[in-house]
Amino acid sequence: MLDITRLMRRAGRVLTGVDRVELAYLRALLADPVPVFGLIRTRYGYLLLDQTGLARMEARLAGGEDGPAWSKARRLAIGRAPPPLLGRMLRRKLPPGVAYLNVGHSNLTQRVLTTIKAAVDARVCVMIHDLIPVDFPQYQRDGVAKAFANMLTRVGRHADLILCNSVDTQTRLAAHLPDAPPTIVAHLGTEVAVAESGDIPQGTVPRRPYFVCVGTIEPRKNHALLLDLWEDWGADAPGLVIAGNRGWKNEDVFARLDALPPDGPVRVAHGLSDGAIAALMQGSHGLLFPSHGEGYGLPAMEAAARGVPVVANDLPVFHEVLGNIPIYANATDRYLWKKKIEALAKRTPSQAPGAQFVPPTWDAHFKTVLRVT
């Protein structure tokens, strides 16, 4: 039984990294011979879908089909229950000993975790993508760090297995949950989207060599460093395309973005398709990743898989998954960042996916995970 609560709540929006992982699990479990069910937390209770219902929801959740996702899920549900009757519904609809997979950091409540185990003797497997809310609480919305810490405590108490996307995440988890249940590491698959230059909105790409920065515009991603560099650069600055939706607690950066001249070297784009992001990367002189902390860093993986240079903050997870491929520069060293960017701006950008880096595959990921869940 896969929890798809996060995907349901994100239906109709551009999918983030964690959303894409939940979608990859949905697709892999639908293709697996073992029967799969889907659990969804709604405003009023819970929905349970069988394999047929999940298969019919997949296109809607992936963004390939229009229409209201919630009403479709209710029509397809084989079971509905208000919160107090969750256990009764699961006992009626599921075989005992089911594996409950939650890979989206959503719906990990005390009720769900205890009821699932009591009702159908479930084996609870939870993926932890990162420890950012507790390792970097200064970059979070109010209340997020405490809520995440409470969620970790519940997972530590009730999970039978914790899935980690990197050794770095596993190490950080052990620091917060020294008595954690067994953990395994399975690197996430990286899908290299087809570049669709026609999807790029007009006026997004500067008429000069340019770089891209991909990710939600939030304090942890450290867009402020790049804006500082470009403000100091002057008229001969290369282009910079910041591709991402606005996040939280970043009013100063938002104000600086709002003040940018429309024909200047720095451009901002949000809500871009995967094809547009891929085309922007492919035509760029490099991906800039000055983030203060990451659980995995999918944009850097995607850029490296295309042969696009990556300049990244010197984080352990990048060394783990990318080795010596990125150009590392500490996020506190503005001079070094500028020198690295200047050097890349003199190169010719890649015109075809490079062969220097072969990213992890979802097939390898699921061979590891499904063997132990």
Protein backbone atom coordinates (compact mmCIF):
# COMPACT_ATOMS: atom_id res chain seq x y z
CA MET A 1 0.00 0.00 0.00
CA LEU A 2 1.54 3.25 -1.20
CA ASP A 3 0.56 6.53 0.43
CA ILE A 4 -0.12 9.04 -2.36
CA THR A 5 -1.43 11.84 -0.14
CA ARG A 6 1.37 14.18 -1.21
CA LEU A 7 0.77 13.65 -4.92
CA MET A 8 -2.94 14.30 -4.45
CA ARG A 9 -2.25 17.56 -2.64
CA ARG A 10 0.15 18.61 -5.41
CA ALA A 11 -2.14 17.66 -8.30
CA GLY A 12 -2.19 20.40 -10.93
CA ARG A 13 1.08 21.99 -9.83
CA VAL A 14 4.62 21.64 -11.13
CA LEU A 15 6.05 18.61 -9.35
CA THR A 16 8.96 19.09 -6.93
CA GLY A 17 11.71 16.56 -6.25
CA VAL A 18 9.85 14.69 -3.50
CA ASP A 19 6.68 14.64 -5.62
CA ARG A 20 8.62 13.01 -8.45
CA VAL A 21 9.89 10.31 -6.12
CA GLU A 22 6.34 9.46 -5.01
CA LEU A 23 5.28 9.35 -8.67
CA ALA A 24 8.20 7.05 -9.52
CA TYR A 25 7.09 4.70 -6.73
CA LEU A 26 3.52 4.73 -8.00
CA ARG A 27 4.66 3.77 -11.49
CA ALA A 28 7.07 1.10 -10.28
CA LEU A 29 4.51 -0.55 -7.99
CA LEU A 30 1.87 -0.52 -10.73
CA ALA A 31 4.34 -2.36 -12.96
CA ASP A 32 5.27 -4.88 -10.25
CA PRO A 33 3.38 -8.21 -10.13
CA VAL A 34 2.57 -7.76 -6.43
CA PRO A 35 -0.90 -6.16 -6.02
CA VAL A 36 -0.79 -2.53 -4.88
CA PHE A 37 -3.26 -0.30 -3.07
CA GLY A 38 -3.19 3.46 -2.53
CA LEU A 39 -4.00 5.38 0.65
CA ILE A 40 -5.03 9.05 0.56
CA ARG A 41 -5.70 11.40 3.46
CA THR A 42 -8.51 13.81 2.62
CA ARG A 43 -10.02 16.72 4.48
CA TYR A 44 -12.72 14.43 5.86
CA GLY A 45 -10.93 11.10 6.30
CA TYR A 46 -9.30 8.48 4.10
CA LEU A 47 -9.72 6.95 0.65
CA LEU A 48 -8.42 3.55 -0.43
CA LEU A 49 -7.77 2.75 -4.10
CA ASP A 50 -7.01 -0.61 -5.64
CA GLN A 51 -4.59 -1.25 -8.49
CA THR A 52 -7.14 -0.37 -11.16
CA GLY A 53 -7.97 2.92 -9.47
CA LEU A 54 -4.30 3.83 -9.03
CA ALA A 55 -3.61 3.07 -12.68
CA ARG A 56 -6.44 5.38 -13.73
CA MET A 57 -5.16 8.14 -11.39
CA GLU A 58 -1.54 7.96 -12.58
CA ALA A 59 -1.91 10.19 -15.64
CA ARG A 60 -3.80 12.83 -13.64
CA LEU A 61 -1.20 12.89 -10.89
CA ALA A 62 1.63 13.09 -13.42
CA GLY A 63 0.09 16.19 -14.98
CA GLY A 64 -0.80 14.51 -18.26
CA GLU A 65 -4.55 14.77 -17.80
CA ASP A 66 -6.79 17.67 -16.83
CA GLY A 67 -9.71 17.57 -14.44
CA PRO A 68 -10.36 17.60 -10.69
CA ALA A 69 -8.14 14.97 -9.08
CA TRP A 70 -10.04 14.74 -5.79
CA SER A 71 -13.41 13.99 -7.32
CA LYS A 72 -11.85 11.38 -9.59
CA ALA A 73 -10.14 9.70 -6.64
CA ARG A 74 -13.43 9.58 -4.71
CA ARG A 75 -15.16 7.94 -7.67
CA LEU A 76 -12.43 5.33 -7.99
CA ALA A 77 -12.07 4.54 -4.27
CA ILE A 78 -12.90 1.02 -3.10
CA GLY A 79 -13.16 2.29 0.46
CA ARG A 80 -13.84 5.49 2.35
CA ALA A 81 -13.56 6.08 6.07
CA PRO A 82 -13.69 8.93 8.55
CA PRO A 83 -10.61 9.00 10.78
CA PRO A 84 -12.02 6.85 13.62
CA LEU A 85 -12.96 4.07 11.17
CA LEU A 86 -9.67 3.83 9.25
CA GLY A 87 -8.79 0.51 10.89
CA ARG A 88 -12.15 -1.06 10.05
CA MET A 89 -11.81 -0.08 6.39
CA LEU A 90 -8.29 -1.50 6.14
CA ARG A 91 -9.29 -4.80 7.78
CA ARG A 92 -12.17 -5.20 5.33
CA LYS A 93 -10.20 -4.34 2.18
CA LEU A 94 -6.60 -5.43 2.70
CA PRO A 95 -4.86 -8.75 3.29
CA PRO A 96 -2.84 -9.05 6.50
CA GLY A 97 0.88 -8.39 6.41
CA VAL A 98 0.73 -5.62 3.81
CA ALA A 99 3.78 -3.38 3.35
CA TYR A 100 2.90 0.29 3.86
CA LEU A 101 5.22 2.59 1.89
CA ASN A 102 5.32 6.30 2.62
CA VAL A 103 7.91 8.18 0.55
CA GLY A 104 6.44 11.70 0.60
CA HIS A 105 6.87 12.99 4.18
CA SER A 106 3.05 13.35 4.28
CA ASN A 107 0.35 11.64 6.35
CA LEU A 108 2.85 10.23 8.85
CA THR A 109 0.46 10.81 11.74
CA GLN A 110 0.16 8.85 14.96
CA ARG A 111 -3.26 7.60 13.87
CA VAL A 112 -2.05 6.30 10.52
CA LEU A 113 1.09 4.63 11.82
CA THR A 114 -0.55 2.90 14.78
CA THR A 115 -3.79 1.97 13.02
CA ILE A 116 -2.12 0.42 9.98
CA LYS A 117 0.08 -1.77 12.14
CA ALA A 118 -2.78 -2.83 14.41
CA ALA A 119 -5.39 -3.35 11.67
CA VAL A 120 -3.46 -5.41 9.11
CA ASP A 121 -0.12 -6.16 10.79
CA ALA A 122 1.55 -3.88 8.28
CA ARG A 123 5.28 -3.54 7.77
CA VAL A 124 5.88 0.23 7.77
CA CYS A 125 8.58 1.55 5.43
CA VAL A 126 9.25 5.30 5.35
CA MET A 127 11.62 7.30 3.17
CA ILE A 128 13.47 10.23 4.73
CA HIS A 129 14.68 12.57 1.98
CA ASP A 130 16.65 14.97 4.16
CA LEU A 131 16.98 16.39 7.65
CA ILE A 132 16.92 19.99 6.45
CA PRO A 133 14.07 21.24 8.72
CA VAL A 134 16.00 20.21 11.84
CA ASP A 135 19.52 20.81 10.53
CA PHE A 136 18.68 24.25 9.11
CA PRO A 137 15.68 25.50 11.13
CA GLN A 138 16.62 29.12 10.41
CA TYR A 139 15.50 28.66 6.80
CA GLN A 140 12.10 27.13 7.57
CA ARG A 141 8.59 28.50 7.91
CA ASP A 142 7.47 29.01 11.49
CA GLY A 143 6.59 25.71 13.13
CA VAL A 144 8.09 23.48 10.43
CA ALA A 145 11.16 22.42 12.41
CA LYS A 146 9.10 21.34 15.43
CA ALA A 147 6.55 19.51 13.29
CA PHE A 148 9.31 17.70 11.40
CA ALA A 149 11.05 16.71 14.64
CA ASN A 150 7.78 15.28 15.95
CA MET A 151 7.30 13.38 12.70
CA LEU A 152 10.80 11.90 13.02
CA THR A 153 10.00 10.74 16.54
CA ARG A 154 6.87 8.97 15.31
CA VAL A 155 8.76 7.34 12.45
CA GLY A 156 11.49 6.20 14.82
CA ARG A 157 8.89 4.66 17.10
CA HIS A 158 6.69 2.91 14.52
CA ALA A 159 8.63 2.28 11.28
CA ASP A 160 10.10 -1.14 10.58
CA LEU A 161 12.45 0.20 7.93
CA ILE A 162 13.67 3.67 6.91
CA LEU A 163 14.75 4.31 3.34
CA CYS A 164 17.44 6.97 2.83
CA ASN A 165 18.30 8.57 -0.50
CA SER A 166 21.97 9.01 0.40
CA VAL A 167 24.59 8.02 2.94
CA ASP A 168 24.64 11.69 3.95
CA THR A 169 20.93 11.52 4.83
CA GLN A 170 21.49 8.24 6.68
CA THR A 171 24.31 9.80 8.72
CA ARG A 172 22.27 12.88 9.60
CA LEU A 173 19.29 10.70 10.52
CA ALA A 174 21.42 8.71 12.96
CA ALA A 175 22.41 11.96 14.69
CA HIS A 176 18.74 12.81 15.30
CA LEU A 177 17.47 9.25 15.85
CA PRO A 178 20.28 7.27 17.49
CA ASP A 179 17.85 4.40 18.19
CA ALA A 180 16.31 4.44 14.72
CA PRO A 181 14.95 1.25 13.13
CA PRO A 182 17.03 -0.40 10.39
CA THR A 183 17.93 1.90 7.48
CA ILE A 184 19.04 1.28 3.91
CA VAL A 185 20.45 3.65 1.30
CA ALA A 186 19.13 3.65 -2.26
CA HIS A 187 20.15 6.52 -4.51
CA LEU A 188 17.24 8.03 -6.42
CA GLY A 189 16.86 7.52 -10.14
CA THR A 190 17.56 10.48 -12.40
CA GLU A 191 15.38 10.98 -15.46
CA VAL A 192 16.88 13.15 -18.19
CA ALA A 193 13.96 14.98 -19.80
CA VAL A 194 13.82 15.74 -23.51
CA ALA A 195 14.77 19.38 -24.14
CA GLU A 196 11.85 21.41 -25.49
CA SER A 197 13.12 24.88 -26.40
CA GLY A 198 9.65 25.84 -27.63
CA ASP A 199 8.38 25.58 -24.05
CA ILE A 200 10.67 28.39 -22.86
CA PRO A 201 8.67 31.63 -22.49
CA GLN A 202 9.77 34.45 -24.75
CA GLY A 203 12.25 36.80 -23.12
CA THR A 204 13.52 34.22 -20.62
CA VAL A 205 16.94 33.65 -22.16
CA PRO A 206 19.37 36.62 -22.10
CA ARG A 207 21.20 37.48 -25.32
CA ARG A 208 24.59 36.62 -23.89
CA PRO A 209 26.27 33.54 -22.41
CA TYR A 210 24.09 32.53 -19.48
CA PHE A 211 23.88 30.27 -16.44
CA VAL A 212 20.89 28.66 -14.75
CA CYS A 213 19.86 28.17 -11.14
CA VAL A 214 17.00 25.70 -10.65
CA GLY A 215 14.98 25.35 -7.46
CA THR A 216 12.39 26.93 -5.19
CA ILE A 217 13.34 30.50 -4.28
CA GLU A 218 13.79 30.03 -0.53
CA PRO A 219 16.60 31.12 1.82
CA ARG A 220 18.32 27.72 1.94
CA LYS A 221 18.88 27.75 -1.81
CA ASN A 222 21.03 30.88 -1.38
CA HIS A 223 19.93 32.87 -4.39
CA ALA A 224 21.20 35.90 -2.46
CA LEU A 225 24.80 34.89 -3.24
CA LEU A 226 24.11 34.93 -6.97
CA LEU A 227 22.26 38.25 -6.83
CA ASP A 228 25.19 39.74 -4.91
CA LEU A 229 27.63 38.51 -7.54
CA TRP A 230 25.60 39.87 -10.44
CA GLU A 231 25.03 43.23 -8.74
CA ASP A 232 28.80 43.63 -8.30
CA TRP A 233 29.60 42.37 -11.79
CA GLY A 234 28.59 45.32 -13.88
CA ALA A 235 27.80 45.62 -17.59
CA ASP A 236 29.94 42.66 -18.69
CA ALA A 237 28.09 40.16 -16.49
CA PRO A 238 26.93 36.93 -18.14
CA GLY A 239 23.25 36.06 -18.11
CA LEU A 240 21.53 34.30 -15.22
CA VAL A 241 18.18 32.52 -15.41
CA ILE A 242 16.62 31.74 -12.03
CA ALA A 243 14.05 28.99 -12.64
CA GLY A 244 11.79 28.29 -9.69
CA ASN A 245 8.66 29.23 -7.82
CA ARG A 246 8.76 31.60 -4.86
CA GLY A 247 8.97 29.96 -1.47
CA TRP A 248 9.00 31.45 2.03
CA LYS A 249 10.88 33.77 4.41
CA ASN A 250 12.72 35.37 1.50
CA GLU A 251 11.20 38.83 1.23
CA ASP A 252 14.53 40.57 0.65
CA VAL A 253 15.35 38.32 -2.30
CA PHE A 254 11.81 38.69 -3.67
CA ALA A 255 12.17 42.48 -3.55
CA ARG A 256 15.49 42.28 -5.38
CA LEU A 257 13.95 40.07 -8.05
CA ASP A 258 11.01 42.45 -8.45
CA ALA A 259 13.44 45.33 -9.00
CA LEU A 260 15.31 43.62 -11.85
CA PRO A 261 15.12 45.42 -15.20
CA PRO A 262 13.23 43.29 -17.77
CA ASP A 263 16.08 43.53 -20.27
CA GLY A 264 18.90 42.97 -17.76
CA PRO A 265 21.23 39.98 -17.45
CA VAL A 266 19.19 38.31 -14.68
CA ARG A 267 15.84 36.74 -15.61
CA VAL A 268 13.32 34.84 -13.50
CA ALA A 269 10.98 32.09 -14.72
CA HIS A 270 8.47 30.00 -12.78
CA GLY A 271 6.17 27.11 -13.60
CA LEU A 272 8.41 25.82 -16.37
CA SER A 273 7.88 22.37 -17.86
CA ASP A 274 10.55 19.68 -17.57
CA GLY A 275 11.30 20.17 -21.26
CA ALA A 276 11.83 23.90 -20.80
CA ILE A 277 14.15 23.35 -17.83
CA ALA A 278 16.08 20.78 -19.87
CA ALA A 279 16.42 23.18 -22.79
CA LEU A 280 17.58 26.01 -20.52
CA MET A 281 20.21 23.73 -19.00
CA GLN A 282 21.34 22.47 -22.37
CA GLY A 283 21.88 25.94 -23.77
CA SER A 284 23.58 27.28 -20.67
CA HIS A 285 27.23 27.56 -19.73
CA GLY A 286 26.53 25.84 -16.43
CA LEU A 287 24.18 25.13 -13.53
CA LEU A 288 24.84 27.15 -10.36
CA PHE A 289 23.95 25.42 -7.08
CA PRO A 290 24.99 27.54 -4.06
CA SER A 291 22.51 25.84 -1.70
CA HIS A 292 23.38 25.74 2.01
CA GLY A 293 22.03 22.19 2.36
CA GLU A 294 20.58 19.40 0.21
CA GLY A 295 19.27 15.91 0.73
CA TYR A 296 20.16 14.83 -2.81
CA GLY A 297 20.23 17.70 -5.34
CA LEU A 298 18.38 16.37 -8.38
CA PRO A 299 19.00 19.43 -10.62
CA ALA A 300 22.75 18.94 -10.24
CA MET A 301 22.38 15.27 -11.15
CA GLU A 302 20.32 16.15 -14.23
CA ALA A 303 22.80 18.79 -15.38
CA ALA A 304 25.76 16.44 -14.93
CA ALA A 305 23.93 13.73 -16.89
CA ARG A 306 23.65 16.23 -19.78
CA GLY A 307 27.31 17.13 -19.65
CA VAL A 308 26.44 20.62 -18.41
CA PRO A 309 29.03 22.03 -15.96
CA VAL A 310 27.90 22.34 -12.34
CA VAL A 311 29.25 24.85 -9.83
CA ALA A 312 28.11 23.76 -6.39
CA ASN A 313 28.58 24.51 -2.74
CA ASP A 314 30.98 22.04 -1.16
CA LEU A 315 28.39 19.70 0.39
CA PRO A 316 29.01 16.05 1.40
CA VAL A 317 26.03 14.75 -0.58
CA PHE A 318 27.41 16.17 -3.85
CA HIS A 319 30.71 14.39 -3.28
CA GLU A 320 28.77 11.19 -2.60
CA VAL A 321 26.57 11.19 -5.69
CA LEU A 322 28.64 13.23 -8.17
CA GLY A 323 32.23 12.74 -7.05
CA ASN A 324 34.66 15.10 -8.74
CA ILE A 325 32.32 16.16 -11.55
CA PRO A 326 31.09 19.46 -10.04
CA ILE A 327 33.27 22.51 -9.62
CA TYR A 328 33.17 23.00 -5.87
CA ALA A 329 33.17 26.45 -4.31
CA ASN A 330 32.30 27.23 -0.73
CA ALA A 331 29.17 29.37 -0.55
CA THR A 332 30.99 31.92 1.62
CA ASP A 333 33.69 32.54 -1.01
CA ARG A 334 32.19 35.08 -3.44
CA TYR A 335 35.52 35.69 -5.15
CA LEU A 336 35.95 32.00 -5.97
CA TRP A 337 32.39 31.74 -7.29
CA LYS A 338 32.95 34.67 -9.61
CA LYS A 339 36.23 33.25 -10.93
CA LYS A 340 34.67 29.85 -11.62
CA ILE A 341 31.70 31.41 -13.41
CA GLU A 342 33.98 33.70 -15.46
CA ALA A 343 36.02 30.71 -16.61
CA LEU A 344 32.92 28.77 -17.66
CA ALA A 345 31.45 31.77 -19.48
CA LYS A 346 34.38 31.63 -21.93
CA ARG A 347 33.56 28.03 -22.93
CA THR A 348 31.10 26.86 -25.57
CA PRO A 349 27.99 25.36 -23.95
CA SER A 350 27.18 21.69 -24.49
CA GLN A 351 24.92 20.93 -27.44
CA ALA A 352 24.23 17.26 -26.66
CA PRO A 353 23.98 15.14 -23.50
CA GLY A 354 27.44 14.32 -22.26
CA ALA A 355 28.72 10.84 -21.48
CA GLN A 356 30.90 11.78 -18.52
CA PHE A 357 28.29 10.93 -15.88
CA VAL A 358 25.85 8.03 -15.81
CA PRO A 359 23.26 8.80 -13.11
CA PRO A 360 21.63 6.21 -10.86
CA THR A 361 18.55 4.57 -12.35
CA TRP A 362 15.14 3.90 -10.88
CA ASP A 363 15.56 0.27 -11.88
CA ALA A 364 18.58 -0.06 -9.60
CA HIS A 365 16.77 1.84 -6.85
CA PHE A 366 13.77 -0.48 -6.86
CA LYS A 367 15.90 -3.61 -7.09
CA THR A 368 17.32 -2.52 -3.74
CA VAL A 369 14.11 -1.32 -2.12
CA LEU A 370 11.61 -3.98 -3.22
CA ARG A 371 13.96 -6.73 -2.11
CA VAL A 372 13.71 -5.61 1.51
CA THR A 373 10.19 -4.17 1.77
